[in-house]
Protein backbone atom coordinates (compact mmCIF):
# COMPACT_ATOMS: atom_id res chain seq x y z
CA MET A 1 59.04 -50.02 -21.99
CA ASP A 2 58.18 -51.71 -18.99
CA THR A 3 54.03 -52.65 -19.68
CA SER A 4 53.38 -51.97 -16.20
CA LYS A 5 54.59 -48.57 -16.23
CA LEU A 6 52.34 -48.18 -19.50
CA LEU A 7 49.40 -49.20 -16.80
CA CYS A 8 50.13 -46.95 -14.16
CA LEU A 9 50.20 -44.22 -16.74
CA PRO A 10 46.19 -43.50 -17.07
CA LEU A 11 45.86 -44.39 -13.21
CA LEU A 12 48.24 -41.53 -12.25
CA SER A 13 46.27 -39.22 -14.63
CA VAL A 14 43.15 -39.98 -12.45
CA LEU A 15 44.82 -39.71 -9.34
CA ALA A 16 45.78 -36.32 -10.43
CA LEU A 17 42.86 -35.25 -11.52
CA LEU A 18 41.01 -36.34 -8.17
CA ALA A 19 43.71 -34.36 -6.60
CA ALA A 20 42.95 -31.22 -8.40
CA TYR A 21 39.37 -31.77 -7.68
CA TRP A 22 39.73 -32.25 -3.83
CA PHE A 23 42.14 -29.89 -3.07
CA ARG A 24 41.05 -26.93 -4.96
CA ARG A 25 40.49 -23.29 -3.71
CA PRO A 26 37.39 -23.03 -2.31
CA GLU A 27 37.14 -19.60 -4.33
CA ASP A 28 38.00 -21.36 -7.37
CA SER A 29 34.66 -23.76 -6.61
CA LEU A 30 32.78 -20.33 -6.00
CA GLN A 31 33.77 -18.67 -9.11
CA SER A 32 33.10 -21.58 -11.60
CA ARG A 33 29.83 -22.22 -10.30
CA LEU A 34 29.16 -18.22 -10.55
CA ASP A 35 30.42 -18.48 -13.77
CA THR A 36 28.19 -21.18 -14.70
CA VAL A 37 25.02 -19.63 -13.49
CA LEU A 38 26.36 -16.28 -15.65
CA PHE A 39 26.14 -18.34 -18.54
CA SER A 40 23.08 -19.99 -18.18
CA LEU A 41 20.88 -16.82 -17.20
CA LEU A 42 22.78 -15.48 -20.48
CA GLN A 43 21.30 -18.52 -22.77
CA ALA A 44 18.19 -18.44 -20.92
CA GLU A 45 17.87 -14.80 -21.81
CA ARG A 46 18.83 -15.37 -25.63
CA LYS A 47 16.08 -17.95 -26.33
CA ALA A 48 13.73 -15.17 -27.24
CA GLU A 49 14.35 -12.11 -28.90
CA LEU A 50 12.62 -9.02 -29.92
CA ASN A 51 10.74 -8.77 -33.37
CA SER A 52 12.80 -7.90 -35.99
CA HIS A 53 10.33 -6.59 -38.65
CA ARG A 54 8.81 -4.50 -35.84
CA PRO A 55 10.10 -3.14 -33.12
CA PRO A 56 8.09 -3.03 -29.72
CA ARG A 57 6.07 0.10 -28.83
CA ILE A 58 6.06 1.31 -26.04
CA ALA A 59 3.84 4.32 -23.86
CA ILE A 60 5.15 5.37 -20.64
CA GLY A 61 4.22 7.90 -18.39
CA PHE A 62 4.97 10.02 -16.30
CA GLY A 63 7.12 12.64 -15.01
CA GLY A 64 10.74 13.23 -15.08
CA CYS A 65 13.92 14.96 -13.26
CA LEU A 66 17.35 15.20 -12.30
CA ASP A 67 18.84 12.96 -9.91
CA ILE A 68 21.68 14.19 -7.49
CA ILE A 69 23.65 11.04 -6.33
CA VAL A 70 25.51 10.99 -3.51
CA ASP A 71 26.68 9.41 -0.26
CA GLY A 72 23.67 9.83 2.25
CA VAL A 73 25.71 9.52 5.10
CA ALA A 74 28.45 12.00 3.67
CA LEU A 75 25.79 14.55 2.94
CA LEU A 76 24.16 14.29 5.99
CA ASN A 77 27.42 14.53 7.56
CA GLU A 78 28.37 17.24 6.04
CA ALA A 79 24.70 19.26 6.24
CA GLY A 80 25.20 18.92 10.09
CA ILE A 81 22.29 16.65 10.79
CA GLU A 82 23.43 14.13 13.10
CA PRO A 83 21.90 10.84 13.97
CA SER A 84 19.02 10.14 15.36
CA TYR A 85 18.09 7.19 18.10
CA SER A 86 14.55 7.57 17.93
CA PRO A 87 14.07 5.96 14.63
CA ILE A 88 10.25 7.49 13.33
CA HIS A 89 8.17 6.92 10.30
CA HIS A 90 7.25 10.08 8.64
CA ASN A 91 5.07 10.21 5.52
CA PHE A 92 6.58 13.94 4.69
CA ILE A 93 9.71 15.77 6.19
CA GLU A 94 9.43 19.41 7.44
CA THR A 95 12.86 19.35 9.77
CA GLU A 96 15.86 18.10 9.44
CA SER A 97 15.16 15.99 13.07
CA GLN A 98 11.94 14.43 11.05
CA LEU A 99 14.67 13.70 8.53
CA ALA A 100 16.99 12.33 10.92
CA GLU A 101 14.55 10.13 11.98
CA SER A 102 13.19 9.13 9.16
CA PHE A 103 16.56 8.22 7.58
CA ALA A 104 17.36 6.11 11.36
CA TYR A 105 14.34 3.89 10.54
CA PHE A 106 15.06 2.83 6.91
CA PHE A 107 18.80 2.66 6.63
CA PRO A 108 19.41 0.06 9.11
CA PRO A 109 17.46 -2.94 7.38
CA GLY A 110 18.45 -1.14 4.05
CA ALA A 111 14.95 -0.59 2.80
CA ALA A 112 14.14 1.59 -0.24
CA SER A 113 12.04 5.01 0.73
CA GLU A 114 10.96 7.99 -0.87
CA ARG A 115 9.92 11.28 0.95
CA TYR A 116 8.51 14.43 -0.14
CA ILE A 117 9.90 17.54 1.72
CA SER A 118 7.34 19.84 2.49
CA ASN A 119 10.32 22.56 4.07
CA GLU A 120 11.70 24.08 0.21
CA THR A 121 14.31 26.01 2.58
CA LEU A 122 15.67 22.59 4.23
CA PHE A 123 15.16 21.24 0.47
CA ARG A 124 17.46 23.75 -0.90
CA LYS A 125 20.02 23.68 2.09
CA LEU A 126 20.74 19.37 1.17
CA VAL A 127 21.08 20.33 -2.32
CA GLU A 128 23.50 23.00 -1.94
CA THR A 129 25.50 21.03 0.25
CA SER A 130 25.58 17.69 -2.03
CA LYS A 131 27.21 20.06 -4.50
CA GLY A 132 30.06 20.34 -2.43
CA LEU A 133 30.91 16.74 -1.74
CA SER A 134 34.00 15.33 -3.25
CA GLU A 135 31.65 12.42 -4.89
CA LEU A 136 28.34 13.67 -6.53
CA ARG A 137 26.76 12.37 -9.96
CA TRP A 138 23.65 13.76 -12.22
CA ALA A 139 21.34 11.28 -13.58
CA LEU A 140 18.27 11.32 -15.52
CA GLY A 141 15.73 10.25 -12.94
CA GLY A 142 11.91 9.85 -12.57
CA ASN A 143 10.35 6.45 -13.27
CA ALA A 144 8.76 6.75 -16.90
CA PRO A 145 12.50 8.49 -17.99
CA VAL A 146 14.24 5.95 -16.59
CA MET A 147 12.29 3.02 -17.89
CA ALA A 148 11.89 4.67 -21.00
CA ASN A 149 15.63 4.47 -21.72
CA ARG A 150 15.95 0.73 -20.41
CA LEU A 151 13.19 -0.05 -23.25
CA ALA A 152 14.91 2.29 -25.72
CA THR A 153 18.21 0.27 -24.93
CA GLU A 154 16.62 -2.96 -25.42
CA GLY A 155 15.29 -1.97 -29.17
CA CYS A 156 11.64 -0.48 -28.31
CA ASP A 157 9.97 2.62 -29.81
CA VAL A 158 9.04 4.66 -26.68
CA LEU A 159 6.31 7.52 -26.44
CA LEU A 160 7.23 9.10 -22.63
CA GLY A 161 4.90 11.46 -20.89
CA GLY A 162 6.57 14.20 -19.25
CA ARG A 163 7.56 18.12 -18.87
CA LEU A 164 11.18 17.92 -18.90
CA SER A 165 13.97 20.48 -19.26
CA PRO A 166 16.75 20.24 -22.75
CA GLU A 167 18.93 18.28 -19.88
CA GLU A 168 16.76 15.85 -19.70
CA ILE A 169 15.78 15.91 -22.99
CA GLY A 170 19.27 15.72 -23.80
CA VAL A 171 20.35 12.38 -22.70
CA LEU A 172 17.15 10.58 -23.89
CA SER A 173 17.43 7.95 -26.30
CA GLU A 174 16.76 8.60 -30.20
CA GLN A 175 13.88 6.26 -30.11
CA ILE A 176 11.96 8.27 -27.17
CA THR A 177 9.16 11.04 -28.12
CA VAL A 178 8.27 12.80 -25.45
CA ALA A 179 5.09 13.96 -25.20
CA GLY A 180 4.73 17.20 -22.74
CA ASP A 181 5.83 20.71 -23.05
CA PRO A 182 9.19 21.30 -22.20
CA ILE A 183 10.26 23.00 -18.90
CA ASP A 184 13.19 25.65 -17.66
CA ASP A 185 13.97 24.18 -14.75
CA SER A 186 14.02 20.51 -13.83
CA ASP A 187 12.43 18.93 -10.71
CA ILE A 188 15.14 17.72 -8.69
CA HIS A 189 15.65 14.51 -6.41
CA LEU A 190 18.44 13.60 -4.28
CA ILE A 191 19.52 9.91 -4.03
CA MET A 192 20.46 9.84 -0.82
CA GLU A 193 22.61 6.07 -1.57
CA TYR A 194 24.66 3.91 0.93
CA PRO A 195 26.77 0.50 0.45
CA THR A 196 26.44 -2.51 2.57
CA GLY A 197 27.36 -2.27 6.13
CA ALA A 198 27.74 1.87 5.84
CA LYS A 199 27.70 3.37 9.67
CA TRP A 200 25.78 6.37 10.77
CA GLY A 201 26.63 6.98 14.07
CA ASN A 202 25.58 3.43 15.83
CA HIS A 203 23.43 2.36 12.67
CA ILE A 204 24.63 0.23 10.65
CA SER A 205 22.98 -0.89 7.11
CA GLN A 206 22.42 -4.25 6.51
CA ARG A 207 22.26 -3.88 2.51
CA ALA A 208 23.26 -1.07 0.06
CA ASN A 209 19.88 0.88 -0.53
CA ARG A 210 18.83 4.96 -0.87
CA TYR A 211 16.82 7.03 0.90
CA ILE A 212 15.24 9.94 -1.73
CA VAL A 213 14.21 12.78 -1.04
CA HIS A 214 12.18 15.68 -3.30
CA SER A 215 10.33 18.86 -3.19
CA ASP A 216 8.53 18.78 -6.62
CA SER A 217 6.13 20.79 -8.44
CA HIS A 218 5.45 19.73 -11.99
CA ASN A 219 5.47 15.62 -11.31
CA PRO A 220 2.58 15.35 -8.31
CA MET A 221 0.14 16.96 -10.99
CA ILE A 222 1.27 14.26 -14.09
CA ASP A 223 0.61 17.36 -15.58
CA SER A 224 1.95 16.16 -19.45
CA LEU A 225 -1.16 13.75 -19.03
CA GLU A 226 -3.27 15.64 -21.60
CA ASP A 227 -0.58 15.69 -24.34
CA PHE A 228 0.47 12.20 -23.44
CA LYS A 229 -3.47 11.05 -23.90
CA LEU A 230 -3.61 13.14 -27.13
CA HIS A 231 -0.42 11.09 -28.81
CA LEU A 232 -1.47 7.83 -27.81
CA GLU A 233 -4.08 6.79 -30.59
CA SER A 234 -1.60 7.79 -33.49
CA PHE A 235 1.61 5.97 -31.52
CA ASN A 236 -0.70 2.61 -31.45
CA PRO A 237 1.63 1.22 -28.61
CA ASP A 238 1.80 -2.49 -27.66
CA LEU A 239 1.66 -1.95 -23.90
CA LEU A 240 1.01 1.24 -21.87
CA VAL A 241 3.34 1.77 -18.70
CA ILE A 242 2.06 4.00 -16.11
CA GLY A 243 4.35 4.85 -13.13
CA GLY A 244 5.59 7.91 -11.11
CA LEU A 245 2.48 8.07 -9.22
CA GLN A 246 4.21 8.44 -5.73
CA MET A 247 5.45 12.04 -6.18
CA MET A 248 1.64 12.51 -5.38
CA ASP A 249 2.52 10.94 -1.83
CA SER A 250 1.68 13.20 0.30
CA PHE A 251 2.02 16.51 -1.65
CA PRO A 252 -0.50 19.68 -0.52
CA PHE A 253 -2.83 19.26 -2.99
CA LYS A 254 -6.34 21.50 -2.87
CA PRO A 255 -9.35 19.35 -1.77
CA GLY A 256 -10.52 17.03 -4.77
CA GLN A 257 -7.14 18.36 -6.83
CA ARG A 258 -5.60 15.01 -6.56
CA GLU A 259 -9.05 12.63 -7.34
CA ALA A 260 -9.63 15.18 -10.38
CA ARG A 261 -6.17 14.00 -11.66
CA LEU A 262 -6.23 10.61 -11.41
CA LYS A 263 -9.56 10.37 -12.76
CA VAL A 264 -8.52 11.74 -15.82
CA LEU A 265 -5.69 9.11 -15.76
CA GLN A 266 -8.68 6.56 -15.18
CA GLU A 267 -10.27 7.96 -17.98
CA LEU A 268 -7.23 7.76 -20.24
CA LEU A 269 -7.00 3.94 -18.93
CA LEU A 270 -10.53 3.12 -20.37
CA SER A 271 -9.96 4.52 -23.33
CA ILE A 272 -7.30 1.99 -24.38
CA ASP A 273 -7.83 -0.86 -26.61
CA GLN A 274 -8.07 -4.23 -24.46
CA ASN A 275 -5.79 -5.69 -26.47
CA ILE A 276 -2.70 -3.34 -25.88
CA GLY A 277 -1.78 -4.56 -22.07
CA SER A 278 -1.56 -2.17 -19.13
CA HIS A 279 1.41 -1.81 -16.32
CA PHE A 280 1.99 -0.36 -13.44
CA GLU A 281 4.78 0.22 -11.74
CA MET A 282 4.64 0.28 -7.88
CA ALA A 283 6.57 2.64 -5.68
CA SER A 284 7.16 3.54 -2.08
CA PHE A 285 3.47 4.76 -0.99
CA VAL A 286 2.85 5.55 2.23
CA GLU A 287 -0.14 8.05 2.37
CA HIS A 288 -3.50 5.88 2.87
CA SER A 289 -5.55 7.97 0.75
CA LEU A 290 -3.75 7.79 -2.36
CA MET A 291 -2.96 3.79 -1.85
CA LYS A 292 -7.05 3.95 -1.94
CA ASP A 293 -7.24 5.97 -4.63
CA LEU A 294 -5.05 3.74 -6.42
CA LEU A 295 -7.14 0.60 -5.74
CA GLN A 296 -10.33 2.82 -7.58
CA TYR A 297 -8.66 4.40 -10.38
CA VAL A 298 -5.46 2.78 -11.70
CA ILE A 299 -5.06 -1.08 -10.56
CA PRO A 300 -7.97 -2.14 -11.32
CA TYR A 301 -6.89 -1.06 -15.24
CA SER A 302 -3.87 -2.89 -15.03
CA ASP A 303 -2.98 -5.99 -16.53
CA SER A 304 0.46 -6.24 -14.87
CA LEU A 305 2.30 -4.75 -11.68
CA GLY A 306 5.66 -4.53 -10.62
CA MET A 307 6.79 -4.11 -7.39
CA ASN A 308 9.78 -4.52 -5.14
CA GLU A 309 9.94 -7.09 -1.71
CA GLN A 310 8.05 -3.86 0.33
CA GLU A 311 5.58 -2.66 -2.04
CA LEU A 312 4.42 -6.23 -2.52
CA PRO A 313 3.04 -6.75 1.43
CA ASN A 314 2.14 -2.97 1.52
CA LEU A 315 -0.47 -3.58 -1.08
CA LEU A 316 -1.25 -6.65 0.00
CA SER A 317 -1.74 -5.35 3.70
CA LEU A 318 -3.85 -2.37 2.29
CA ILE A 319 -6.71 -5.10 0.27
CA LYS A 320 -6.61 -7.56 3.52
CA GLY A 321 -7.39 -5.19 6.24
CA GLY A 322 -6.81 -1.56 4.87
CA ASN A 323 -3.21 -0.93 7.18
CA ILE A 324 -0.18 0.37 5.52
CA THR A 325 2.74 -1.76 5.62
CA VAL A 326 6.34 0.82 5.61
CA LEU A 327 8.84 -1.65 6.26
CA SER A 328 9.13 -5.19 5.86
CA ASP A 329 11.67 -8.13 5.80
CA PRO A 330 14.71 -6.75 3.46
CA TYR A 331 15.69 -10.21 2.28
CA PRO A 332 12.41 -12.49 2.42
CA ARG A 333 12.31 -15.81 1.90
CA VAL A 334 11.29 -17.12 -1.42
CA ALA A 335 8.02 -19.51 -0.69
CA SER A 336 7.15 -16.07 1.64
CA ILE A 337 7.57 -13.92 -1.59
CA LEU A 338 5.31 -16.68 -3.80
CA ASP A 339 2.67 -16.72 -0.59
CA GLN A 340 1.93 -13.39 -0.62
CA MET A 341 1.90 -12.98 -4.49
CA ARG A 342 -0.60 -15.67 -4.81
CA GLU A 343 -2.83 -14.08 -2.28
CA LEU A 344 -2.42 -10.61 -4.28
CA TYR A 345 -2.86 -12.51 -7.39
CA HIS A 346 -6.24 -14.21 -6.26
CA LEU A 347 -7.37 -11.15 -4.15
CA LEU A 348 -7.14 -8.72 -7.00
CA ARG A 349 -8.64 -11.49 -9.84
CA LEU A 350 -11.65 -12.42 -7.19
CA LYS A 351 -12.29 -8.32 -6.22
CA GLU A 352 -16.24 -7.66 -7.74
CA PRO A 353 -16.08 -6.26 -11.19
CA ILE A 354 -16.33 -2.75 -12.58
CA GLU A 355 -17.07 -1.57 -15.99
CA GLY A 356 -13.93 -1.49 -18.27
CA GLN A 357 -11.98 -3.50 -15.39
CA ARG A 358 -8.90 -5.64 -16.74
CA HIS A 359 -8.13 -9.13 -15.16
CA LEU A 360 -4.49 -9.31 -13.76
CA SER A 361 -2.61 -11.54 -15.44
CA ARG A 362 1.18 -10.42 -14.51
CA LEU A 363 2.90 -10.30 -11.73
CA HIS A 364 6.31 -9.16 -10.99
CA VAL A 365 8.30 -9.18 -7.76
CA HIS A 366 11.69 -8.16 -7.67
CA THR A 367 14.18 -8.63 -4.71
CA LEU A 368 17.98 -8.41 -4.17
CA ALA A 369 18.44 -12.04 -4.37
CA PHE A 370 15.96 -13.69 -6.89
CA GLN A 371 13.02 -12.48 -9.71
CA ALA A 372 9.70 -13.77 -9.20
CA MET A 373 7.31 -13.82 -12.12
CA MET A 374 3.75 -14.70 -11.90
CA VAL A 375 1.51 -15.39 -15.47
CA THR A 376 -1.85 -16.43 -15.96
CA LYS A 377 -1.67 -19.28 -18.79
CA GLY A 378 -3.23 -18.47 -21.79
CA SER A 379 -3.22 -14.84 -21.46
CA MET A 380 -0.88 -12.19 -23.89
CA TRP A 381 2.74 -12.27 -22.14
CA LYS A 382 4.94 -14.62 -23.53
CA ASN A 383 8.94 -15.99 -22.95
CA THR A 384 8.48 -16.11 -18.99
CA MET A 385 11.43 -17.87 -18.29
CA SER A 386 13.58 -15.95 -20.74
CA ALA A 387 12.11 -12.92 -19.61
CA THR A 388 12.92 -13.35 -15.68
CA ALA A 389 16.33 -13.97 -16.45
CA LYS A 390 17.12 -10.67 -18.36
CA ALA A 391 15.22 -8.97 -15.00
CA SER A 392 17.70 -11.00 -13.06
CA LEU A 393 20.65 -10.00 -15.23
CA THR A 394 19.62 -6.23 -15.84
CA ALA A 395 19.78 -5.97 -11.89
CA ASN A 396 23.68 -6.60 -11.36
CA ARG A 397 24.10 -4.39 -14.85
CA HIS A 398 22.20 -1.51 -13.67
CA VAL A 399 23.65 -1.87 -10.10
CA CYS A 400 27.23 -2.64 -10.98
CA GLY A 401 26.87 -0.03 -14.10
CA SER A 402 28.28 -1.95 -16.67
CA ALA A 403 26.23 -4.22 -19.73
CA GLN A 404 29.25 -7.00 -19.29
CA ILE A 405 28.54 -8.90 -16.30
CA ASP A 406 32.40 -9.65 -14.37
CA THR A 407 31.54 -12.35 -11.77
CA ARG A 408 34.19 -11.73 -9.75
CA LYS A 409 31.78 -8.72 -8.54
CA ALA A 410 28.97 -10.59 -7.86
CA LYS A 411 27.59 -13.17 -5.49
CA LEU A 412 24.30 -15.49 -4.91
CA ILE A 413 22.74 -15.18 -1.31
CA MET A 414 19.54 -17.31 -2.63
CA ASP A 415 19.35 -20.25 -1.04
CA ASP A 416 20.80 -23.62 -2.43
CA SER A 417 16.98 -24.80 -2.56
CA PHE A 418 13.39 -23.48 -1.97
CA SER A 419 10.12 -24.27 -0.55
CA VAL A 420 7.23 -23.07 -3.07
CA SER A 421 5.59 -22.47 -0.36
CA ARG A 422 5.55 -21.47 3.62
CA GLU A 423 2.77 -24.29 3.67
CA LEU A 424 3.85 -27.95 5.29
CA GLY A 425 4.90 -30.76 2.85
CA SER A 426 5.23 -28.29 -0.40
CA GLN A 427 7.47 -29.00 -2.98
CA ARG A 428 11.22 -27.88 -2.71
CA ILE A 429 12.75 -26.66 -5.67
CA PRO A 430 16.68 -27.81 -5.83
CA PHE A 431 18.88 -24.89 -7.58
CA LYS A 432 20.67 -25.39 -10.26
CA GLU A 433 23.86 -23.30 -12.08
CA ASN A 434 23.20 -25.00 -15.33
CA HIS A 435 19.08 -24.33 -15.21
CA PRO A 436 19.54 -21.82 -12.85
CA VAL A 437 15.45 -20.29 -13.79
CA SER A 438 12.71 -22.50 -12.44
CA CYS A 439 9.14 -22.40 -13.86
CA TRP A 440 6.42 -24.34 -12.72
CA GLU A 441 2.68 -24.44 -13.50
CA GLU A 442 0.22 -23.86 -10.67
CA ASP A 443 -4.17 -23.58 -11.01
CA ASN A 444 -4.29 -21.25 -13.90
CA TYR A 445 -1.25 -19.83 -14.11
CA GLU A 446 2.68 -20.41 -14.22
CA ILE A 447 5.73 -19.11 -12.20
CA CYS A 448 9.19 -18.55 -13.16
CA LEU A 449 12.03 -17.62 -10.47
CA ALA A 450 15.42 -16.52 -10.90
CA PRO A 451 18.66 -15.93 -9.26
CA VAL A 452 19.83 -12.54 -8.59
CA LEU A 453 23.99 -12.08 -9.48
CA VAL A 454 24.08 -9.25 -6.53
CA CYS A 455 26.54 -6.80 -7.56
CA THR A 456 29.52 -6.84 -4.92
CA GLU A 457 30.97 -3.97 -5.91
CA VAL A 458 27.66 -0.98 -6.38
CA PHE A 459 28.00 2.10 -8.64
CA GLN A 460 24.09 3.08 -8.30
CA THR A 461 21.10 1.80 -6.63
CA ALA A 462 18.26 4.63 -7.74
CA GLY A 463 16.73 3.22 -11.27
CA GLY A 464 17.70 -0.05 -9.97
CA GLY A 465 13.34 -1.68 -9.96
CA ASP A 466 12.57 0.74 -13.20
CA ASN A 467 15.54 -0.87 -15.26
CA ILE A 468 14.56 -4.65 -13.68
CA SER A 469 11.41 -3.81 -14.38
CA ALA A 470 11.06 -2.38 -17.93
CA ALA A 471 13.84 -5.45 -18.96
CA GLY A 472 11.29 -7.61 -17.74
CA LEU A 473 8.57 -6.40 -19.99
CA VAL A 474 10.35 -6.21 -23.08
CA LEU A 475 10.36 -10.10 -24.20
CA GLN A 476 6.60 -10.60 -22.95
CA ILE A 477 5.17 -8.63 -25.61
């Protein structure tokens, strides 16, 4: 055989490979990138495991409900509630026009919201109308039960404080013990979901999200609190989680009634051994007086806080200036979130100490594009890198409604690099597909940040934050 031909063969192979690389389809390159990110996140998640000898024991309260999940625009149309072109924020809803104005306020930016409907006739109308829609799903609802089911799914033993109906108890994991007398009729929450690009009149949503309405009677009273407290000592938890307090927002309490219930909760928090971690899960709070009560009775006794991109600036604004920030950027930059986290962390740790107060040592902020965790060095919280990866993966698993992540139904919206602060000259960290979780140390804390494989075929948005926060906690105790 001609030796010159033999010499040409390797060269031809190299040229073929180069041609395949240079002329590959853009979608193939993007798909490969997503697959690499997924593989790397799964590796990061698996680097930490639960204790095989003793599952983590987590006590969580309060409340519970049944969720009716519908297309928000379809429900409003079917109920004859026309689009409002005067978007107005309302703390609670009394009339159809207020509902239209409030929905129009949160729908275009795609901001999550939850509102109490004081008009029972209006709420019943919405519930009955929803039952006539072709696409309707029922699901277990409420922060505490949703987080409890996620924690149990991840291998934890759970004590749940809540008064639940037989239907709700029937869909709880066997690893969950309920503390609270059962009830006959569940509180119902109406989850009005919408996808990115949904239209309501001239309004177009920038991102998929949900608008929740309820008219609860049990949950605002946190009426399982006493039973929960009785079970707590014998349960011997590793972690106490408090959530669902937004049900108190704008509820028509009698004078002093809400404060009295929060004082009982404060007593419970003070009674917990300091070696047991305490986490408070934030939510969509709009009532100024309730937020101030939380700053007095709950937040000072929490080692850890969980929140989204709307709730972070809201809490920060209240602490700094006494104001509520109802609406904020639905697509915040990484640097903005990190600066807000640093500021909140330092403000809460510098507050004048009170008896029994805990020092905040963990912050978890979940956004559509990324997960960010800040943990005090040397604190009780461990495996921050793996926990951040797990939170990120759980975001896709929950929203897509599948334990198996399909990168063909996902996208990345986080930038190819990000600044760690808005300050001029701040360090910039590149995004690496094979090492997607970025961790670094500052001051007396560590920060980890992971991109989210954003689900493009949304199955559900309600309960996303609860599932994400619960999954993030599992590997850190």
